[in-house]
């Protein structure tokens, strides 16, 4: 049997469960469930981002292949292929930034709609 030092045992605070919490915690949990819309608007942004890794690899792969083809055509070293990698990386970063800005605008408008609905209900 392992004995814990008294200082460690006395400083442990028990976790509060939802049942032991007050009305504010239950109201917060209900609000959180309400925010997760059932019509799919809430999850639309997440689904757009799920394939970003595959898309990133495909875009970079296309530019690297184009660079490889140019290297074979000009009988040069991997200069075009390296340039293709960086161009593909830059293009994909641009696409990701634009997509993030669009997603942020959509989520902001969704939050505004929910706030207006909440104000109408009160």
PDB file of N, CA and C in Angstrom:
ATOM      1  N   UNK A   1       0.842  -1.178   0.000  1.00  0.00           N
ATOM      2  CA  UNK A   1       0.000   0.000   0.000  1.00  0.00           C
ATOM      3  C   UNK A   1       0.885   1.238   0.000  1.00  0.00           C
ATOM      4  N   UNK A   2       0.546   2.190  -0.863  1.00  0.00           N
ATOM      5  CA  UNK A   2       1.325   3.411  -0.986  1.00  0.00           C
ATOM      6  C   UNK A   2       0.630   4.531  -0.225  1.00  0.00           C
ATOM      7  N   UNK A   3       1.362   5.218   0.616  1.00  0.00           N
ATOM      8  CA  UNK A   3       0.795   6.315   1.402  1.00  0.00           C
ATOM      9  C   UNK A   3       1.168   7.640   0.761  1.00  0.00           C
ATOM     10  N   UNK A   4       0.180   8.487   0.558  1.00  0.00           N
ATOM     11  CA  UNK A   4       0.402   9.809  -0.002  1.00  0.00           C
ATOM     12  C   UNK A   4       0.735  10.787   1.112  1.00  0.00           C
ATOM     13  N   UNK A   5       1.605  11.747   0.825  1.00  0.00           N
ATOM     14  CA  UNK A   5       1.875  12.775   1.827  1.00  0.00           C
ATOM     15  C   UNK A   5       0.600  13.567   2.137  1.00  0.00           C
ATOM     16  N   UNK A   6       0.462  13.972   3.355  1.00  0.00           N
ATOM     17  CA  UNK A   6      -0.749  14.675   3.792  1.00  0.00           C
ATOM     18  C   UNK A   6      -0.957  15.979   3.021  1.00  0.00           C
ATOM     19  N   UNK A   7       0.122  16.660   2.648  1.00  0.00           N
ATOM     20  CA  UNK A   7      -0.026  17.925   1.936  1.00  0.00           C
ATOM     21  C   UNK A   7      -0.650  17.722   0.556  1.00  0.00           C
ATOM     22  N   UNK A   8      -0.371  16.592  -0.088  1.00  0.00           N
ATOM     23  CA  UNK A   8      -0.972  16.331  -1.394  1.00  0.00           C
ATOM     24  C   UNK A   8      -2.442  15.980  -1.263  1.00  0.00           C
ATOM     25  N   UNK A   9      -2.779  15.246  -0.236  1.00  0.00           N
ATOM     26  CA  UNK A   9      -4.155  14.790  -0.074  1.00  0.00           C
ATOM     27  C   UNK A   9      -5.066  15.939   0.325  1.00  0.00           C
ATOM     28  N   UNK A  10      -4.606  16.841   1.154  1.00  0.00           N
ATOM     29  CA  UNK A  10      -5.463  17.915   1.634  1.00  0.00           C
ATOM     30  C   UNK A  10      -5.684  19.006   0.591  1.00  0.00           C
ATOM     31  N   UNK A  11      -4.803  19.126  -0.403  1.00  0.00           N
ATOM     32  CA  UNK A  11      -4.954  20.169  -1.407  1.00  0.00           C
ATOM     33  C   UNK A  11      -5.833  19.753  -2.585  1.00  0.00           C
ATOM     34  N   UNK A  12      -6.300  18.539  -2.599  1.00  0.00           N
ATOM     35  CA  UNK A  12      -7.129  18.072  -3.698  1.00  0.00           C
ATOM     36  C   UNK A  12      -8.556  18.527  -3.479  1.00  0.00           C
ATOM     37  N   UNK A  13      -9.101  19.200  -4.484  1.00  0.00           N
ATOM     38  CA  UNK A  13     -10.498  19.627  -4.419  1.00  0.00           C
ATOM     39  C   UNK A  13     -11.336  18.663  -5.224  1.00  0.00           C
ATOM     40  N   UNK A  14     -12.493  18.265  -4.721  1.00  0.00           N
ATOM     41  CA  UNK A  14     -13.326  17.335  -5.484  1.00  0.00           C
ATOM     42  C   UNK A  14     -13.906  18.017  -6.714  1.00  0.00           C
ATOM     43  N   UNK A  15     -14.058  17.236  -7.782  1.00  0.00           N
ATOM     44  CA  UNK A  15     -14.668  17.777  -8.984  1.00  0.00           C
ATOM     45  C   UNK A  15     -16.149  17.966  -8.772  1.00  0.00           C
ATOM     46  N   UNK A  16     -16.663  19.057  -9.291  1.00  0.00           N
ATOM     47  CA  UNK A  16     -18.091  19.313  -9.163  1.00  0.00           C
ATOM     48  C   UNK A  16     -18.796  18.722 -10.368  1.00  0.00           C
ATOM     49  N   UNK A  17     -19.818  17.991 -10.113  1.00  0.00           N
ATOM     50  CA  UNK A  17     -20.591  17.446 -11.217  1.00  0.00           C
ATOM     51  C   UNK A  17     -21.722  18.413 -11.557  1.00  0.00           C
ATOM     52  N   UNK A  18     -22.411  18.097 -12.638  1.00  0.00           N
ATOM     53  CA  UNK A  18     -23.516  18.942 -13.071  1.00  0.00           C
ATOM     54  C   UNK A  18     -24.645  18.928 -12.041  1.00  0.00           C
ATOM     55  N   UNK A  19     -24.808  17.789 -11.381  1.00  0.00           N
ATOM     56  CA  UNK A  19     -25.872  17.688 -10.385  1.00  0.00           C
ATOM     57  C   UNK A  19     -25.584  18.529  -9.153  1.00  0.00           C
ATOM     58  N   UNK A  20     -24.295  18.658  -8.805  1.00  0.00           N
ATOM     59  CA  UNK A  20     -23.964  19.448  -7.622  1.00  0.00           C
ATOM     60  C   UNK A  20     -23.915  20.941  -7.937  1.00  0.00           C
ATOM     61  N   UNK A  21     -23.914  21.304  -9.209  1.00  0.00           N
ATOM     62  CA  UNK A  21     -23.824  22.698  -9.604  1.00  0.00           C
ATOM     63  C   UNK A  21     -25.141  23.423  -9.418  1.00  0.00           C
ATOM     64  N   UNK A  22     -25.085  24.710  -9.615  1.00  0.00           N
ATOM     65  CA  UNK A  22     -26.267  25.527  -9.450  1.00  0.00           C
ATOM     66  C   UNK A  22     -27.051  25.668 -10.737  1.00  0.00           C
ATOM     67  N   UNK A  23     -28.034  26.506 -10.675  1.00  0.00           N
ATOM     68  CA  UNK A  23     -28.909  26.737 -11.822  1.00  0.00           C
ATOM     69  C   UNK A  23     -28.144  27.389 -12.969  1.00  0.00           C
ATOM     70  N   UNK A  24     -27.137  28.173 -12.644  1.00  0.00           N
ATOM     71  CA  UNK A  24     -26.370  28.848 -13.693  1.00  0.00           C
ATOM     72  C   UNK A  24     -25.633  27.836 -14.569  1.00  0.00           C
ATOM     73  N   UNK A  25     -25.084  26.783 -13.938  1.00  0.00           N
ATOM     74  CA  UNK A  25     -24.384  25.763 -14.717  1.00  0.00           C
ATOM     75  C   UNK A  25     -25.350  24.985 -15.596  1.00  0.00           C
ATOM     76  N   UNK A  26     -26.514  24.645 -15.063  1.00  0.00           N
ATOM     77  CA  UNK A  26     -27.500  23.915 -15.865  1.00  0.00           C
ATOM     78  C   UNK A  26     -28.001  24.775 -17.021  1.00  0.00           C
ATOM     79  N   UNK A  27     -28.162  26.075 -16.774  1.00  0.00           N
ATOM     80  CA  UNK A  27     -28.600  26.987 -17.822  1.00  0.00           C
ATOM     81  C   UNK A  27     -27.525  27.105 -18.905  1.00  0.00           C
ATOM     82  N   UNK A  28     -26.255  27.138 -18.483  1.00  0.00           N
ATOM     83  CA  UNK A  28     -25.159  27.212 -19.430  1.00  0.00           C
ATOM     84  C   UNK A  28     -25.122  25.971 -20.309  1.00  0.00           C
ATOM     85  N   UNK A  29     -25.307  24.790 -19.724  1.00  0.00           N
ATOM     86  CA  UNK A  29     -25.307  23.544 -20.495  1.00  0.00           C
ATOM     87  C   UNK A  29     -26.480  23.513 -21.478  1.00  0.00           C
ATOM     88  N   UNK A  30     -27.641  23.996 -21.041  1.00  0.00           N
ATOM     89  CA  UNK A  30     -28.800  24.027 -21.932  1.00  0.00           C
ATOM     90  C   UNK A  30     -28.542  24.978 -23.087  1.00  0.00           C
ATOM     91  N   UNK A  31     -27.924  26.099 -22.816  1.00  0.00           N
ATOM     92  CA  UNK A  31     -27.591  27.077 -23.855  1.00  0.00           C
ATOM     93  C   UNK A  31     -26.601  26.475 -24.849  1.00  0.00           C
ATOM     94  N   UNK A  32     -25.634  25.720 -24.324  1.00  0.00           N
ATOM     95  CA  UNK A  32     -24.635  25.107 -25.170  1.00  0.00           C
ATOM     96  C   UNK A  32     -25.280  24.092 -26.113  1.00  0.00           C
ATOM     97  N   UNK A  33     -26.213  23.292 -25.617  1.00  0.00           N
ATOM     98  CA  UNK A  33     -26.916  22.335 -26.466  1.00  0.00           C
ATOM     99  C   UNK A  33     -27.783  23.051 -27.491  1.00  0.00           C
ATOM    100  N   UNK A  34     -28.370  24.164 -27.107  1.00  0.00           N
ATOM    101  CA  UNK A  34     -29.228  24.914 -28.020  1.00  0.00           C
ATOM    102  C   UNK A  34     -28.413  25.519 -29.158  1.00  0.00           C
ATOM    103  N   UNK A  35     -27.162  25.927 -28.858  1.00  0.00           N
ATOM    104  CA  UNK A  35     -26.312  26.534 -29.870  1.00  0.00           C
ATOM    105  C   UNK A  35     -25.953  25.557 -30.983  1.00  0.00           C
ATOM    106  N   UNK A  36     -25.973  24.277 -30.696  1.00  0.00           N
ATOM    107  CA  UNK A  36     -25.656  23.282 -31.712  1.00  0.00           C
ATOM    108  C   UNK A  36     -26.916  23.007 -32.513  1.00  0.00           C
ATOM    109  N   UNK A  37     -27.067  23.763 -33.561  1.00  0.00           N
ATOM    110  CA  UNK A  37     -28.269  23.714 -34.381  1.00  0.00           C
ATOM    111  C   UNK A  37     -28.467  22.336 -34.992  1.00  0.00           C
ATOM    112  N   UNK A  38     -29.717  21.920 -35.113  1.00  0.00           N
ATOM    113  CA  UNK A  38     -30.010  20.600 -35.641  1.00  0.00           C
ATOM    114  C   UNK A  38     -30.140  20.592 -37.155  1.00  0.00           C
ATOM    115  N   UNK A  39     -30.190  21.744 -37.796  1.00  0.00           N
ATOM    116  CA  UNK A  39     -30.369  21.769 -39.245  1.00  0.00           C
ATOM    117  C   UNK A  39     -29.053  21.715 -40.015  1.00  0.00           C
ATOM    118  N   UNK A  40     -27.940  21.567 -39.363  1.00  0.00           N
ATOM    119  CA  UNK A  40     -26.666  21.392 -40.042  1.00  0.00           C
ATOM    120  C   UNK A  40     -25.850  22.648 -40.253  1.00  0.00           C
ATOM    121  N   UNK A  41     -26.389  23.815 -39.966  1.00  0.00           N
ATOM    122  CA  UNK A  41     -25.628  25.050 -40.171  1.00  0.00           C
ATOM    123  C   UNK A  41     -24.390  25.081 -39.281  1.00  0.00           C
ATOM    124  N   UNK A  42     -24.544  24.526 -38.065  1.00  0.00           N
ATOM    125  CA  UNK A  42     -23.453  24.571 -37.098  1.00  0.00           C
ATOM    126  C   UNK A  42     -22.256  23.752 -37.576  1.00  0.00           C
ATOM    127  N   UNK A  43     -22.509  22.644 -38.265  1.00  0.00           N
ATOM    128  CA  UNK A  43     -21.439  21.731 -38.656  1.00  0.00           C
ATOM    129  C   UNK A  43     -20.918  21.973 -40.069  1.00  0.00           C
ATOM    130  N   UNK A  44     -21.533  22.851 -40.809  1.00  0.00           N
ATOM    131  CA  UNK A  44     -21.137  23.083 -42.200  1.00  0.00           C
ATOM    132  C   UNK A  44     -19.678  23.526 -42.307  1.00  0.00           C
ATOM    133  N   UNK A  45     -19.254  24.416 -41.440  1.00  0.00           N
ATOM    134  CA  UNK A  45     -17.878  24.906 -41.493  1.00  0.00           C
ATOM    135  C   UNK A  45     -16.882  23.794 -41.177  1.00  0.00           C
ATOM    136  N   UNK A  46     -17.236  22.929 -40.251  1.00  0.00           N
ATOM    137  CA  UNK A  46     -16.328  21.843 -39.895  1.00  0.00           C
ATOM    138  C   UNK A  46     -16.158  20.876 -41.061  1.00  0.00           C
ATOM    139  N   UNK A  47     -17.232  20.581 -41.762  1.00  0.00           N
ATOM    140  CA  UNK A  47     -17.142  19.657 -42.879  1.00  0.00           C
ATOM    141  C   UNK A  47     -16.302  20.224 -44.018  1.00  0.00           C
ATOM    142  N   UNK A  48     -16.309  21.539 -44.178  1.00  0.00           N
ATOM    143  CA  UNK A  48     -15.490  22.160 -45.216  1.00  0.00           C
ATOM    144  C   UNK A  48     -14.004  21.974 -44.934  1.00  0.00           C
ATOM    145  N   UNK A  49     -13.624  21.879 -43.674  1.00  0.00           N
ATOM    146  CA  UNK A  49     -12.214  21.795 -43.303  1.00  0.00           C
ATOM    147  C   UNK A  49     -11.712  20.364 -43.162  1.00  0.00           C
ATOM    148  N   UNK A  50     -12.589  19.378 -43.223  1.00  0.00           N
ATOM    149  CA  UNK A  50     -12.155  18.010 -42.986  1.00  0.00           C
ATOM    150  C   UNK A  50     -11.177  17.485 -44.040  1.00  0.00           C
ATOM    151  N   UNK A  51     -11.297  17.894 -45.270  1.00  0.00           N
ATOM    152  CA  UNK A  51     -10.428  17.381 -46.324  1.00  0.00           C
ATOM    153  C   UNK A  51      -9.267  18.279 -46.668  1.00  0.00           C
ATOM    154  N   UNK A  52      -8.952  19.225 -45.791  1.00  0.00           N
ATOM    155  CA  UNK A  52      -7.924  20.206 -46.130  1.00  0.00           C
ATOM    156  C   UNK A  52      -6.546  19.571 -46.263  1.00  0.00           C
ATOM    157  N   UNK A  53      -6.245  18.541 -45.497  1.00  0.00           N
ATOM    158  CA  UNK A  53      -4.945  17.881 -45.597  1.00  0.00           C
ATOM    159  C   UNK A  53      -4.763  17.212 -46.944  1.00  0.00           C
ATOM    160  N   UNK A  54      -5.801  16.498 -47.385  1.00  0.00           N
ATOM    161  CA  UNK A  54      -5.751  15.855 -48.692  1.00  0.00           C
ATOM    162  C   UNK A  54      -5.636  16.895 -49.795  1.00  0.00           C
ATOM    163  N   UNK A  55      -6.396  17.956 -49.687  1.00  0.00           N
ATOM    164  CA  UNK A  55      -6.348  19.020 -50.686  1.00  0.00           C
ATOM    165  C   UNK A  55      -4.967  19.674 -50.726  1.00  0.00           C
ATOM    166  N   UNK A  56      -4.392  19.881 -49.547  1.00  0.00           N
ATOM    167  CA  UNK A  56      -3.061  20.483 -49.454  1.00  0.00           C
ATOM    168  C   UNK A  56      -2.044  19.623 -50.194  1.00  0.00           C
ATOM    169  N   UNK A  57      -2.082  18.312 -49.938  1.00  0.00           N
ATOM    170  CA  UNK A  57      -1.143  17.392 -50.591  1.00  0.00           C
ATOM    171  C   UNK A  57      -1.354  17.348 -52.101  1.00  0.00           C
ATOM    172  N   UNK A  58      -2.600  17.364 -52.531  1.00  0.00           N
ATOM    173  CA  UNK A  58      -2.880  17.297 -53.962  1.00  0.00           C
ATOM    174  C   UNK A  58      -2.391  18.552 -54.701  1.00  0.00           C
ATOM    175  N   UNK A  59      -2.637  19.718 -54.133  1.00  0.00           N
ATOM    176  CA  UNK A  59      -2.213  20.962 -54.789  1.00  0.00           C
ATOM    177  C   UNK A  59      -0.696  21.031 -54.864  1.00  0.00           C
ATOM    178  N   UNK A  60      -0.028  20.727 -53.761  1.00  0.00           N
ATOM    179  CA  UNK A  60       1.438  20.748 -53.777  1.00  0.00           C
ATOM    180  C   UNK A  60       1.963  19.685 -54.734  1.00  0.00           C
ATOM    181  N   UNK A  61       1.324  18.516 -54.747  1.00  0.00           N
ATOM    182  CA  UNK A  61       1.754  17.450 -55.649  1.00  0.00           C
ATOM    183  C   UNK A  61       1.651  17.845 -57.108  1.00  0.00           C
ATOM    184  N   UNK A  62       0.586  18.540 -57.470  1.00  0.00           N
ATOM    185  CA  UNK A  62       0.429  18.988 -58.863  1.00  0.00           C
ATOM    186  C   UNK A  62       1.552  19.951 -59.241  1.00  0.00           C
ATOM    187  N   UNK A  63       1.865  20.899 -58.365  1.00  0.00           N
ATOM    188  CA  UNK A  63       2.916  21.861 -58.682  1.00  0.00           C
ATOM    189  C   UNK A  63       4.299  21.208 -58.682  1.00  0.00           C
ATOM    190  N   UNK A  64       4.523  20.256 -57.780  1.00  0.00           N
ATOM    191  CA  UNK A  64       5.803  19.543 -57.776  1.00  0.00           C
ATOM    192  C   UNK A  64       5.940  18.708 -59.048  1.00  0.00           C
ATOM    193  N   UNK A  65       4.871  18.050 -59.454  1.00  0.00           N
ATOM    194  CA  UNK A  65       4.926  17.271 -60.692  1.00  0.00           C
ATOM    195  C   UNK A  65       5.192  18.171 -61.894  1.00  0.00           C
ATOM    196  N   UNK A  66       4.565  19.346 -61.930  1.00  0.00           N
ATOM    197  CA  UNK A  66       4.833  20.286 -63.027  1.00  0.00           C
ATOM    198  C   UNK A  66       6.301  20.714 -63.013  1.00  0.00           C
ATOM    199  N   UNK A  67       6.848  20.944 -61.827  1.00  0.00           N
ATOM    200  CA  UNK A  67       8.264  21.286 -61.727  1.00  0.00           C
ATOM    201  C   UNK A  67       9.160  20.146 -62.152  1.00  0.00           C
ATOM    202  N   UNK A  68       8.791  18.924 -61.803  1.00  0.00           N
ATOM    203  CA  UNK A  68       9.550  17.741 -62.220  1.00  0.00           C
ATOM    204  C   UNK A  68       9.535  17.615 -63.739  1.00  0.00           C
ATOM    205  N   UNK A  69       8.374  17.857 -64.338  1.00  0.00           N
ATOM    206  CA  UNK A  69       8.239  17.770 -65.790  1.00  0.00           C
ATOM    207  C   UNK A  69       9.123  18.829 -66.468  1.00  0.00           C
ATOM    208  N   UNK A  70       9.119  20.052 -65.912  1.00  0.00           N
ATOM    209  CA  UNK A  70       9.984  21.103 -66.464  1.00  0.00           C
ATOM    210  C   UNK A  70      11.460  20.754 -66.294  1.00  0.00           C
ATOM    211  N   UNK A  71      11.808  20.141 -65.173  1.00  0.00           N
ATOM    212  CA  UNK A  71      13.198  19.715 -64.974  1.00  0.00           C
ATOM    213  C   UNK A  71      13.602  18.667 -66.011  1.00  0.00           C
ATOM    214  N   UNK A  72      12.727  17.724 -66.300  1.00  0.00           N
ATOM    215  CA  UNK A  72      13.043  16.704 -67.311  1.00  0.00           C
ATOM    216  C   UNK A  72      13.120  17.328 -68.707  1.00  0.00           C
ATOM    217  N   UNK A  73      12.251  18.295 -68.967  1.00  0.00           N
ATOM    218  CA  UNK A  73      12.220  18.953 -70.272  1.00  0.00           C
ATOM    219  C   UNK A  73      13.508  19.741 -70.521  1.00  0.00           C
ATOM    220  N   UNK A  74      13.982  20.439 -69.499  1.00  0.00           N
ATOM    221  CA  UNK A  74      15.174  21.271 -69.650  1.00  0.00           C
ATOM    222  C   UNK A  74      16.442  20.558 -69.207  1.00  0.00           C
ATOM    223  N   UNK A  75      16.309  19.314 -68.769  1.00  0.00           N
ATOM    224  CA  UNK A  75      17.442  18.521 -68.284  1.00  0.00           C
ATOM    225  C   UNK A  75      18.217  19.284 -67.201  1.00  0.00           C
ATOM    226  N   UNK A  76      17.449  19.765 -66.233  1.00  0.00           N
ATOM    227  CA  UNK A  76      18.052  20.549 -65.158  1.00  0.00           C
ATOM    228  C   UNK A  76      17.924  19.798 -63.836  1.00  0.00           C
ATOM    229  N   UNK A  77      18.507  20.342 -62.874  1.00  0.00           N
ATOM    230  CA  UNK A  77      18.498  19.824 -61.514  1.00  0.00           C
ATOM    231  C   UNK A  77      17.132  20.084 -60.876  1.00  0.00           C
ATOM    232  N   UNK A  78      16.907  19.740 -59.636  1.00  0.00           N
ATOM    233  CA  UNK A  78      15.539  19.871 -59.087  1.00  0.00           C
ATOM    234  C   UNK A  78      15.104  21.307 -58.804  1.00  0.00           C
ATOM    235  N   UNK A  79      15.620  22.259 -59.530  1.00  0.00           N
ATOM    236  CA  UNK A  79      15.266  23.671 -59.306  1.00  0.00           C
ATOM    237  C   UNK A  79      13.798  23.957 -59.552  1.00  0.00           C
ATOM    238  N   UNK A  80      13.259  23.488 -60.686  1.00  0.00           N
ATOM    239  CA  UNK A  80      11.845  23.717 -60.989  1.00  0.00           C
ATOM    240  C   UNK A  80      10.944  22.965 -60.018  1.00  0.00           C
ATOM    241  N   UNK A  81      11.390  21.783 -59.613  1.00  0.00           N
ATOM    242  CA  UNK A  81      10.575  21.006 -58.680  1.00  0.00           C
ATOM    243  C   UNK A  81      10.494  21.705 -57.317  1.00  0.00           C
ATOM    244  N   UNK A  82      11.600  22.237 -56.855  1.00  0.00           N
ATOM    245  CA  UNK A  82      11.609  22.974 -55.587  1.00  0.00           C
ATOM    246  C   UNK A  82      10.764  24.244 -55.709  1.00  0.00           C
ATOM    247  N   UNK A  83      10.904  24.923 -56.826  1.00  0.00           N
ATOM    248  CA  UNK A  83      10.091  26.116 -57.060  1.00  0.00           C
ATOM    249  C   UNK A  83       8.609  25.743 -57.107  1.00  0.00           C
ATOM    250  N   UNK A  84       8.299  24.605 -57.735  1.00  0.00           N
ATOM    251  CA  UNK A  84       6.916  24.124 -57.779  1.00  0.00           C
ATOM    252  C   UNK A  84       6.362  23.845 -56.397  1.00  0.00           C
ATOM    253  N   UNK A  85       7.203  23.282 -55.511  1.00  0.00           N
ATOM    254  CA  UNK A  85       6.757  23.038 -54.139  1.00  0.00           C
ATOM    255  C   UNK A  85       6.376  24.349 -53.452  1.00  0.00           C
ATOM    256  N   UNK A  86       7.245  25.337 -53.545  1.00  0.00           N
ATOM    257  CA  UNK A  86       6.972  26.600 -52.860  1.00  0.00           C
ATOM    258  C   UNK A  86       5.789  27.352 -53.469  1.00  0.00           C
ATOM    259  N   UNK A  87       5.646  27.278 -54.778  1.00  0.00           N
ATOM    260  CA  UNK A  87       4.487  27.911 -55.412  1.00  0.00           C
ATOM    261  C   UNK A  87       3.212  27.204 -54.967  1.00  0.00           C
ATOM    262  N   UNK A  88       3.227  25.859 -54.960  1.00  0.00           N
ATOM    263  CA  UNK A  88       2.060  25.099 -54.505  1.00  0.00           C
ATOM    264  C   UNK A  88       1.731  25.386 -53.053  1.00  0.00           C
ATOM    265  N   UNK A  89       2.758  25.491 -52.217  1.00  0.00           N
ATOM    266  CA  UNK A  89       2.547  25.812 -50.805  1.00  0.00           C
ATOM    267  C   UNK A  89       1.923  27.196 -50.657  1.00  0.00           C
ATOM    268  N   UNK A  90       2.446  28.153 -51.415  1.00  0.00           N
ATOM    269  CA  UNK A  90       1.900  29.516 -51.356  1.00  0.00           C
ATOM    270  C   UNK A  90       0.460  29.576 -51.835  1.00  0.00           C
ATOM    271  N   UNK A  91       0.161  28.871 -52.921  1.00  0.00           N
ATOM    272  CA  UNK A  91      -1.208  28.846 -53.438  1.00  0.00           C
ATOM    273  C   UNK A  91      -2.150  28.238 -52.394  1.00  0.00           C
ATOM    274  N   UNK A  92      -1.722  27.155 -51.776  1.00  0.00           N
ATOM    275  CA  UNK A  92      -2.587  26.505 -50.788  1.00  0.00           C
ATOM    276  C   UNK A  92      -2.772  27.369 -49.535  1.00  0.00           C
ATOM    277  N   UNK A  93      -1.735  28.070 -49.129  1.00  0.00           N
ATOM    278  CA  UNK A  93      -1.876  28.975 -47.983  1.00  0.00           C
ATOM    279  C   UNK A  93      -2.868  30.096 -48.312  1.00  0.00           C
ATOM    280  N   UNK A  94      -2.801  30.618 -49.531  1.00  0.00           N
ATOM    281  CA  UNK A  94      -3.742  31.655 -49.958  1.00  0.00           C
ATOM    282  C   UNK A  94      -5.170  31.111 -49.922  1.00  0.00           C
ATOM    283  N   UNK A  95      -5.357  29.905 -50.438  1.00  0.00           N
ATOM    284  CA  UNK A  95      -6.690  29.286 -50.443  1.00  0.00           C
ATOM    285  C   UNK A  95      -7.185  29.086 -49.010  1.00  0.00           C
ATOM    286  N   UNK A  96      -6.307  28.631 -48.126  1.00  0.00           N
ATOM    287  CA  UNK A  96      -6.722  28.394 -46.735  1.00  0.00           C
ATOM    288  C   UNK A  96      -7.094  29.692 -46.029  1.00  0.00           C
ATOM    289  N   UNK A  97      -6.335  30.745 -46.262  1.00  0.00           N
ATOM    290  CA  UNK A  97      -6.636  32.025 -45.614  1.00  0.00           C
ATOM    291  C   UNK A  97      -7.978  32.562 -46.108  1.00  0.00           C
ATOM    292  N   UNK A  98      -8.205  32.494 -47.416  1.00  0.00           N
ATOM    293  CA  UNK A  98      -9.486  32.957 -47.959  1.00  0.00           C
ATOM    294  C   UNK A  98     -10.645  32.129 -47.415  1.00  0.00           C
ATOM    295  N   UNK A  99     -10.449  30.817 -47.317  1.00  0.00           N
ATOM    296  CA  UNK A  99     -11.497  29.944 -46.792  1.00  0.00           C
ATOM    297  C   UNK A  99     -11.760  30.234 -45.318  1.00  0.00           C
ATOM    298  N   UNK A 100     -10.707  30.508 -44.555  1.00  0.00           N
ATOM    299  CA  UNK A 100     -10.881  30.828 -43.136  1.00  0.00           C
ATOM    300  C   UNK A 100     -11.648  32.136 -42.961  1.00  0.00           C
ATOM    301  N   UNK A 101     -11.347  33.125 -43.799  1.00  0.00           N
ATOM    302  CA  UNK A 101     -12.071  34.393 -43.718  1.00  0.00           C
ATOM    303  C   UNK A 101     -13.541  34.212 -44.065  1.00  0.00           C
ATOM    304  N   UNK A 102     -13.827  33.414 -45.094  1.00  0.00           N
ATOM    305  CA  UNK A 102     -15.215  33.158 -45.480  1.00  0.00           C
ATOM    306  C   UNK A 102     -15.956  32.399 -44.370  1.00  0.00           C
ATOM    307  N   UNK A 103     -15.297  31.406 -43.780  1.00  0.00           N
ATOM    308  CA  UNK A 103     -15.916  30.639 -42.699  1.00  0.00           C
ATOM    309  C   UNK A 103     -16.196  31.524 -41.493  1.00  0.00           C
ATOM    310  N   UNK A 104     -15.273  32.409 -41.179  1.00  0.00           N
ATOM    311  CA  UNK A 104     -15.465  33.314 -40.046  1.00  0.00           C
ATOM    312  C   UNK A 104     -16.659  34.245 -40.293  1.00  0.00           C
ATOM    313  N   UNK A 105     -16.779  34.766 -41.520  1.00  0.00           N
ATOM    314  CA  UNK A 105     -17.927  35.617 -41.839  1.00  0.00           C
ATOM    315  C   UNK A 105     -19.239  34.843 -41.719  1.00  0.00           C
ATOM    316  N   UNK A 106     -19.253  33.593 -42.196  1.00  0.00           N
ATOM    317  CA  UNK A 106     -20.469  32.783 -42.114  1.00  0.00           C
ATOM    318  C   UNK A 106     -20.843  32.491 -40.666  1.00  0.00           C
ATOM    319  N   UNK A 107     -19.859  32.169 -39.832  1.00  0.00           N
ATOM    320  CA  UNK A 107     -20.148  31.890 -38.423  1.00  0.00           C
ATOM    321  C   UNK A 107     -20.606  33.143 -37.693  1.00  0.00           C
ATOM    322  N   UNK A 108     -20.018  34.287 -38.034  1.00  0.00           N
ATOM    323  CA  UNK A 108     -20.463  35.539 -37.410  1.00  0.00           C
ATOM    324  C   UNK A 108     -21.908  35.851 -37.768  1.00  0.00           C
ATOM    325  N   UNK A 109     -22.265  35.653 -39.031  1.00  0.00           N
ATOM    326  CA  UNK A 109     -23.650  35.915 -39.428  1.00  0.00           C
ATOM    327  C   UNK A 109     -24.599  34.915 -38.773  1.00  0.00           C
ATOM    328  N   UNK A 110     -24.152  33.674 -38.588  1.00  0.00           N
ATOM    329  CA  UNK A 110     -24.971  32.674 -37.909  1.00  0.00           C
ATOM    330  C   UNK A 110     -25.193  33.043 -36.441  1.00  0.00           C
ATOM    331  N   UNK A 111     -24.139  33.541 -35.787  1.00  0.00           N
ATOM    332  CA  UNK A 111     -24.272  33.977 -34.395  1.00  0.00           C
ATOM    333  C   UNK A 111     -25.217  35.169 -34.288  1.00  0.00           C
ATOM    334  N   UNK A 112     -25.136  36.097 -35.239  1.00  0.00           N
ATOM    335  CA  UNK A 112     -26.035  37.250 -35.220  1.00  0.00           C
ATOM    336  C   UNK A 112     -27.487  36.812 -35.380  1.00  0.00           C
ATOM    337  N   UNK A 113     -27.729  35.839 -36.269  1.00  0.00           N
ATOM    338  CA  UNK A 113     -29.087  35.312 -36.447  1.00  0.00           C
ATOM    339  C   UNK A 113     -29.595  34.662 -35.170  1.00  0.00           C
ATOM    340  N   UNK A 114     -28.737  33.897 -34.489  1.00  0.00           N
ATOM    341  CA  UNK A 114     -29.145  33.248 -33.245  1.00  0.00           C
ATOM    342  C   UNK A 114     -29.408  34.272 -32.155  1.00  0.00           C
ATOM    343  N   UNK A 115     -28.596  35.327 -32.098  1.00  0.00           N
ATOM    344  CA  UNK A 115     -28.820  36.376 -31.110  1.00  0.00           C
ATOM    345  C   UNK A 115     -30.147  37.091 -31.369  1.00  0.00           C
ATOM    346  N   UNK A 116     -30.457  37.334 -32.638  1.00  0.00           N
ATOM    347  CA  UNK A 116     -31.731  37.976 -32.971  1.00  0.00           C
ATOM    348  C   UNK A 116     -32.902  37.081 -32.602  1.00  0.00           C
ATOM    349  N   UNK A 117     -32.774  35.769 -32.823  1.00  0.00           N
ATOM    350  CA  UNK A 117     -33.837  34.840 -32.433  1.00  0.00           C
ATOM    351  C   UNK A 117     -34.014  34.810 -30.924  1.00  0.00           C
ATOM    352  N   UNK A 118     -32.895  34.848 -30.196  1.00  0.00           N
ATOM    353  CA  UNK A 118     -32.963  34.863 -28.734  1.00  0.00           C
ATOM    354  C   UNK A 118     -33.630  36.126 -28.233  1.00  0.00           C
ATOM    355  N   UNK A 119     -33.308  37.277 -28.861  1.00  0.00           N
ATOM    356  CA  UNK A 119     -33.925  38.531 -28.455  1.00  0.00           C
ATOM    357  C   UNK A 119     -35.430  38.525 -28.729  1.00  0.00           C
ATOM    358  N   UNK A 120     -35.833  37.907 -29.832  1.00  0.00           N
ATOM    359  CA  UNK A 120     -37.250  37.831 -30.164  1.00  0.00           C
ATOM    360  C   UNK A 120     -38.005  36.935 -29.177  1.00  0.00           C
ATOM    361  N   UNK A 121     -37.355  35.902 -28.684  1.00  0.00           N
ATOM    362  CA  UNK A 121     -38.009  34.993 -27.740  1.00  0.00           C
ATOM    363  C   UNK A 121     -38.167  35.608 -26.364  1.00  0.00           C
ATOM    364  N   UNK A 122     -37.343  36.586 -26.035  1.00  0.00           N
ATOM    365  CA  UNK A 122     -37.412  37.173 -24.693  1.00  0.00           C
ATOM    366  C   UNK A 122     -38.365  38.294 -24.626  1.00  0.00           C
TER     367      UNK A 122
END
